[in-house]
Amino acid sequence: MGLSPASQGIERSGHALRLMDQIIQRSPIGVAVIDHDGVFRSVNPSFCQIHGYRQEELLGRRFTLLLPQPEHY
């Protein structure tokens, strides 16, 4: 017995998401996913290299970490 049409759709969606993730992870362009609170949820290796952080240092932290800090005189 084969998969139902709904199950087939879910299977195709999962495959498409895995493929998209592979493309983003291998991209030479830095890519980050930030949630509505400004927190990093995903970063690719190029993004980490550009900004000089490891993935573990960014995930779960706010994007403002990368903004220049104001100078105090």
N, C-alpha and C. Protein backbone atom coordinates (compact mmCIF):
# COMPACT_ATOMS: atom_id res chain seq x y z
N MET A 1 0.85 -1.18 0.00
CA MET A 1 0.00 0.00 0.00
C MET A 1 0.89 1.24 0.00
N GLY A 2 0.60 2.20 -0.85
CA GLY A 2 1.40 3.42 -0.98
C GLY A 2 1.00 4.47 0.04
N LEU A 3 1.74 5.55 0.02
CA LEU A 3 1.47 6.67 0.91
C LEU A 3 0.25 7.43 0.42
N SER A 4 -0.48 8.01 1.37
CA SER A 4 -1.62 8.86 1.01
C SER A 4 -1.09 10.13 0.34
N PRO A 5 -1.93 10.82 -0.41
CA PRO A 5 -1.49 12.08 -1.03
C PRO A 5 -0.95 13.08 -0.01
N ALA A 6 -1.57 13.15 1.17
CA ALA A 6 -1.09 14.08 2.20
C ALA A 6 0.31 13.67 2.66
N SER A 7 0.52 12.38 2.88
CA SER A 7 1.83 11.89 3.31
C SER A 7 2.88 12.12 2.24
N GLN A 8 2.50 11.96 0.99
CA GLN A 8 3.44 12.21 -0.11
C GLN A 8 3.83 13.69 -0.14
N GLY A 9 2.87 14.56 0.09
CA GLY A 9 3.16 15.99 0.13
C GLY A 9 4.11 16.35 1.26
N ILE A 10 3.88 15.75 2.42
CA ILE A 10 4.76 15.99 3.56
C ILE A 10 6.16 15.49 3.26
N GLU A 11 6.26 14.32 2.65
CA GLU A 11 7.56 13.76 2.30
C GLU A 11 8.30 14.66 1.31
N ARG A 12 7.58 15.17 0.30
CA ARG A 12 8.20 16.09 -0.67
C ARG A 12 8.64 17.38 -0.01
N SER A 13 7.82 17.89 0.90
CA SER A 13 8.17 19.13 1.61
C SER A 13 9.43 18.94 2.44
N GLY A 14 9.52 17.81 3.12
CA GLY A 14 10.70 17.52 3.92
C GLY A 14 11.94 17.44 3.06
N HIS A 15 11.82 16.81 1.90
CA HIS A 15 12.96 16.71 0.98
C HIS A 15 13.36 18.10 0.50
N ALA A 16 12.40 18.93 0.17
CA ALA A 16 12.69 20.29 -0.31
C ALA A 16 13.39 21.11 0.77
N LEU A 17 12.95 20.96 2.02
CA LEU A 17 13.59 21.70 3.12
C LEU A 17 15.02 21.24 3.34
N ARG A 18 15.26 19.94 3.27
CA ARG A 18 16.63 19.42 3.43
C ARG A 18 17.52 19.93 2.30
N LEU A 19 17.00 19.95 1.09
CA LEU A 19 17.77 20.44 -0.06
C LEU A 19 18.09 21.93 0.11
N MET A 20 17.10 22.71 0.52
CA MET A 20 17.33 24.14 0.72
C MET A 20 18.38 24.37 1.81
N ASP A 21 18.32 23.59 2.88
CA ASP A 21 19.31 23.72 3.94
C ASP A 21 20.72 23.40 3.43
N GLN A 22 20.85 22.36 2.61
CA GLN A 22 22.16 22.02 2.04
C GLN A 22 22.69 23.15 1.17
N ILE A 23 21.82 23.75 0.37
CA ILE A 23 22.23 24.85 -0.50
C ILE A 23 22.70 26.04 0.34
N ILE A 24 21.95 26.39 1.36
CA ILE A 24 22.31 27.52 2.22
C ILE A 24 23.62 27.24 2.95
N GLN A 25 23.79 26.03 3.47
CA GLN A 25 25.00 25.71 4.21
C GLN A 25 26.24 25.74 3.33
N ARG A 26 26.09 25.48 2.04
CA ARG A 26 27.24 25.46 1.12
C ARG A 26 27.43 26.78 0.38
N SER A 27 26.56 27.73 0.59
CA SER A 27 26.62 28.99 -0.13
C SER A 27 27.84 29.82 0.28
N PRO A 28 28.49 30.48 -0.70
CA PRO A 28 29.59 31.39 -0.36
C PRO A 28 29.07 32.73 0.19
N ILE A 29 27.76 32.91 0.15
CA ILE A 29 27.13 34.13 0.65
C ILE A 29 26.67 33.88 2.08
N GLY A 30 26.96 34.80 2.96
CA GLY A 30 26.55 34.66 4.35
C GLY A 30 25.04 34.76 4.49
N VAL A 31 24.44 33.79 5.17
CA VAL A 31 22.99 33.76 5.36
C VAL A 31 22.70 33.52 6.84
N ALA A 32 21.79 34.33 7.38
CA ALA A 32 21.35 34.16 8.77
C ALA A 32 19.84 34.22 8.81
N VAL A 33 19.25 33.42 9.68
CA VAL A 33 17.82 33.47 9.95
C VAL A 33 17.66 34.03 11.35
N ILE A 34 16.89 35.11 11.43
CA ILE A 34 16.68 35.82 12.69
C ILE A 34 15.18 35.81 12.98
N ASP A 35 14.79 35.50 14.20
CA ASP A 35 13.36 35.46 14.52
C ASP A 35 12.82 36.86 14.81
N HIS A 36 11.55 36.93 15.14
CA HIS A 36 10.89 38.22 15.35
C HIS A 36 11.43 38.98 16.56
N ASP A 37 12.17 38.31 17.43
CA ASP A 37 12.80 38.97 18.57
C ASP A 37 14.24 39.41 18.28
N GLY A 38 14.70 39.18 17.04
CA GLY A 38 16.05 39.56 16.68
C GLY A 38 17.10 38.55 17.10
N VAL A 39 16.69 37.30 17.34
CA VAL A 39 17.60 36.26 17.81
C VAL A 39 18.00 35.36 16.64
N PHE A 40 19.30 35.08 16.54
CA PHE A 40 19.78 34.19 15.50
C PHE A 40 19.23 32.79 15.72
N ARG A 41 18.59 32.23 14.70
CA ARG A 41 18.08 30.86 14.74
C ARG A 41 18.89 29.93 13.85
N SER A 42 19.54 30.50 12.82
CA SER A 42 20.38 29.70 11.93
C SER A 42 21.38 30.63 11.26
N VAL A 43 22.60 30.16 11.11
CA VAL A 43 23.64 30.89 10.38
C VAL A 43 24.44 29.87 9.59
N ASN A 44 24.87 30.26 8.40
CA ASN A 44 25.68 29.32 7.62
C ASN A 44 27.17 29.61 7.86
N PRO A 45 28.05 28.69 7.44
CA PRO A 45 29.49 28.87 7.66
C PRO A 45 30.04 30.17 7.07
N SER A 46 29.54 30.58 5.91
CA SER A 46 30.03 31.83 5.31
C SER A 46 29.71 33.03 6.19
N PHE A 47 28.51 33.06 6.78
CA PHE A 47 28.13 34.15 7.67
C PHE A 47 29.08 34.19 8.86
N CYS A 48 29.37 33.03 9.42
CA CYS A 48 30.29 32.95 10.56
C CYS A 48 31.68 33.46 10.18
N GLN A 49 32.16 33.05 9.02
CA GLN A 49 33.49 33.47 8.58
C GLN A 49 33.53 34.98 8.36
N ILE A 50 32.52 35.53 7.74
CA ILE A 50 32.47 36.97 7.47
C ILE A 50 32.54 37.77 8.77
N HIS A 51 31.82 37.30 9.79
CA HIS A 51 31.70 38.06 11.03
C HIS A 51 32.68 37.62 12.12
N GLY A 52 33.41 36.54 11.88
CA GLY A 52 34.43 36.12 12.84
C GLY A 52 33.89 35.43 14.08
N TYR A 53 32.74 34.79 13.97
CA TYR A 53 32.16 34.06 15.10
C TYR A 53 31.93 32.61 14.69
N ARG A 54 31.90 31.74 15.69
CA ARG A 54 31.48 30.36 15.46
C ARG A 54 29.96 30.29 15.57
N GLN A 55 29.39 29.30 14.94
CA GLN A 55 27.94 29.14 14.96
C GLN A 55 27.41 29.10 16.40
N GLU A 56 28.10 28.37 17.27
CA GLU A 56 27.66 28.25 18.66
C GLU A 56 27.63 29.60 19.38
N GLU A 57 28.48 30.53 18.94
CA GLU A 57 28.53 31.84 19.58
C GLU A 57 27.38 32.73 19.16
N LEU A 58 26.76 32.44 18.02
CA LEU A 58 25.69 33.29 17.50
C LEU A 58 24.29 32.77 17.80
N LEU A 59 24.10 31.46 17.68
CA LEU A 59 22.75 30.91 17.84
C LEU A 59 22.22 31.20 19.23
N GLY A 60 20.99 31.71 19.25
CA GLY A 60 20.36 32.05 20.52
C GLY A 60 20.69 33.44 21.03
N ARG A 61 21.56 34.15 20.32
CA ARG A 61 21.94 35.52 20.71
C ARG A 61 21.26 36.52 19.77
N ARG A 62 21.13 37.74 20.22
CA ARG A 62 20.49 38.78 19.41
C ARG A 62 21.45 39.29 18.33
N PHE A 63 20.89 39.69 17.19
CA PHE A 63 21.69 40.19 16.07
C PHE A 63 22.46 41.45 16.43
N THR A 64 22.02 42.17 17.44
CA THR A 64 22.69 43.40 17.84
C THR A 64 24.12 43.14 18.31
N LEU A 65 24.44 41.88 18.59
CA LEU A 65 25.81 41.50 18.92
C LEU A 65 26.78 41.96 17.83
N LEU A 66 26.32 42.00 16.58
CA LEU A 66 27.19 42.34 15.46
C LEU A 66 27.23 43.83 15.13
N LEU A 67 26.39 44.61 15.79
CA LEU A 67 26.37 46.05 15.51
C LEU A 67 27.53 46.73 16.21
N PRO A 68 28.07 47.78 15.61
CA PRO A 68 29.17 48.51 16.26
C PRO A 68 28.68 49.10 17.59
N GLN A 69 29.54 49.04 18.58
CA GLN A 69 29.20 49.59 19.88
C GLN A 69 29.52 51.09 19.88
N PRO A 70 28.66 51.88 20.48
CA PRO A 70 28.95 53.32 20.52
C PRO A 70 30.21 53.60 21.33
N GLU A 71 30.96 54.57 20.86
CA GLU A 71 32.18 54.94 21.56
C GLU A 71 31.85 55.95 22.63
N HIS A 72 32.44 55.76 23.78
CA HIS A 72 32.21 56.69 24.89
C HIS A 72 33.45 57.57 25.03
N TYR A 73 33.23 58.86 25.06
CA TYR A 73 34.36 59.80 25.18
C TYR A 73 34.43 60.36 26.56
